C-alpha cells in the first residue's frame, strides 16, 4: 500500500492527547493518528450527514447576542487594529490567537 505524507496542524491540546494515547497504548504518535482517523471517519460522516434544522436554535442564540458590535479598523504602521465598542474577554482573545502558529 502506498502512503502519502500530509502536513497537519494540530492545536497543542490535541497533540498532547495524541501523545498521551501513544504512551498508554505503546503505539507511535503517527500510528495513534492513523487509527484515530480510521476509526473516526464513520462517526464524522454520520455526524455531518444529519440534516437537522438548527435555525431555531441559531435564531435564539443571535437574539441573546444582541446587535453586532461596531468595529473601526485603524492602520498603525504595518499593522491594522480593530477597535470595537463592545468588550472582548482576554480568554476569547487567547482562544482566537491560539489558532495561529
Protein backbone atom coordinates (compact mmCIF):
# COMPACT_ATOMS: atom_id res chain seq x y z
CA UNK A 1 0.00 0.00 0.00
CA UNK A 2 1.44 3.37 -0.96
CA UNK A 3 1.41 6.20 1.54
CA UNK A 4 1.06 9.95 1.22
CA UNK A 5 2.51 12.42 3.69
CA UNK A 6 0.01 15.10 4.60
CA UNK A 7 1.09 18.04 6.80
CA UNK A 8 -1.48 18.61 9.51
CA UNK A 9 -1.51 21.42 12.04
CA UNK A 10 -2.83 20.45 15.46
CA UNK A 11 -3.75 22.51 18.49
CA UNK A 12 -1.29 21.84 21.33
CA UNK A 13 -4.03 20.29 23.50
CA UNK A 14 -4.95 17.77 20.79
CA UNK A 15 -1.33 16.83 20.20
CA UNK A 16 -0.96 16.23 23.93
CA UNK A 17 -3.95 13.87 23.83
CA UNK A 18 -2.42 12.01 20.89
CA UNK A 19 0.94 11.69 22.64
CA UNK A 20 -0.74 10.54 25.87
CA UNK A 21 -2.68 7.89 23.92
CA UNK A 22 0.53 6.76 22.23
CA UNK A 23 2.25 6.39 25.57
CA UNK A 24 -0.71 4.49 27.07
CA UNK A 25 -1.05 2.10 24.13
CA UNK A 26 2.59 1.65 23.21
CA UNK A 27 1.89 2.86 19.67
CA UNK A 28 3.77 5.59 17.88
CA UNK A 29 2.23 9.04 17.67
CA UNK A 30 1.76 8.55 13.91
CA UNK A 31 0.01 5.18 14.47
CA UNK A 32 -2.38 6.74 17.00
CA UNK A 33 -3.22 9.47 14.49
CA UNK A 34 -3.80 6.89 11.74
CA UNK A 35 -6.05 4.80 13.98
CA UNK A 36 -7.96 7.85 15.20
CA UNK A 37 -8.63 8.92 11.62
CA UNK A 38 -9.58 5.39 10.53
CA UNK A 39 -11.95 4.78 13.45
CA UNK A 40 -13.27 8.35 13.49
CA UNK A 41 -14.22 8.79 9.82
CA UNK A 42 -17.51 6.84 10.07
CA UNK A 43 -18.54 8.89 13.11
CA UNK A 44 -17.62 12.14 11.39
CA UNK A 45 -19.62 11.18 8.30
CA UNK A 46 -22.61 10.25 10.43
CA UNK A 47 -22.46 13.44 12.47
CA UNK A 48 -22.06 15.70 9.44
CA UNK A 49 -24.65 13.99 7.27
CA UNK A 50 -27.53 14.66 9.65
CA UNK A 51 -29.99 17.04 8.15
CA UNK A 52 -31.27 18.65 11.31
CA UNK A 53 -32.83 22.07 11.43
CA UNK A 54 -30.78 24.28 13.70
CA UNK A 55 -32.36 27.51 12.50
CA UNK A 56 -34.48 27.96 15.64
CA UNK A 57 -31.50 27.42 17.95
CA UNK A 58 -29.38 29.74 15.82
CA UNK A 59 -32.05 32.45 15.87
CA UNK A 60 -32.30 32.15 19.66
CA UNK A 61 -28.53 32.44 20.00
CA UNK A 62 -28.34 35.52 17.77
CA UNK A 63 -31.18 37.09 19.75
CA UNK A 64 -29.26 36.58 23.01
CA UNK A 65 -26.11 38.08 21.49
CA UNK A 66 -27.85 41.28 20.56
CA UNK A 67 -26.69 43.67 17.84
CA UNK A 68 -23.32 43.17 16.22
CA UNK A 69 -20.53 45.37 17.57
CA UNK A 70 -19.28 48.32 15.60
CA UNK A 71 -15.68 47.75 14.54
CA UNK A 72 -13.41 50.54 13.39
CA UNK A 73 -10.18 49.44 11.68
CA UNK A 74 -7.18 51.64 12.41
CA UNK A 75 -3.92 51.38 10.43
CA UNK A 76 -0.88 51.56 12.73
CA UNK A 77 2.34 51.23 10.79
CA UNK A 78 2.49 47.70 9.36
CA UNK A 79 -0.50 46.57 11.42
CA UNK A 80 -4.22 47.09 11.27
CA UNK A 81 -6.03 47.16 14.60
CA UNK A 82 -9.74 46.56 15.05
CA UNK A 83 -11.38 48.75 17.69
CA UNK A 84 -14.83 47.71 18.90
CA UNK A 85 -17.45 49.34 21.06
CA UNK A 86 -18.02 46.06 22.94
CA UNK A 87 -15.72 44.46 25.49
CA UNK A 88 -13.90 41.26 24.45
CA UNK A 89 -12.68 38.90 27.16
CA UNK A 90 -9.00 38.06 27.41
CA UNK A 91 -9.96 34.36 27.31
CA UNK A 92 -11.67 34.84 23.93
CA UNK A 93 -8.65 36.69 22.54
CA UNK A 94 -6.30 33.90 23.69
CA UNK A 95 -8.56 31.23 22.15
CA UNK A 96 -8.65 33.05 18.82
CA UNK A 97 -4.89 33.66 18.76
CA UNK A 98 -4.15 30.01 19.64
CA UNK A 99 -5.36 29.05 16.17
CA UNK A 100 -2.37 30.83 14.62
CA UNK A 101 1.10 29.28 14.57
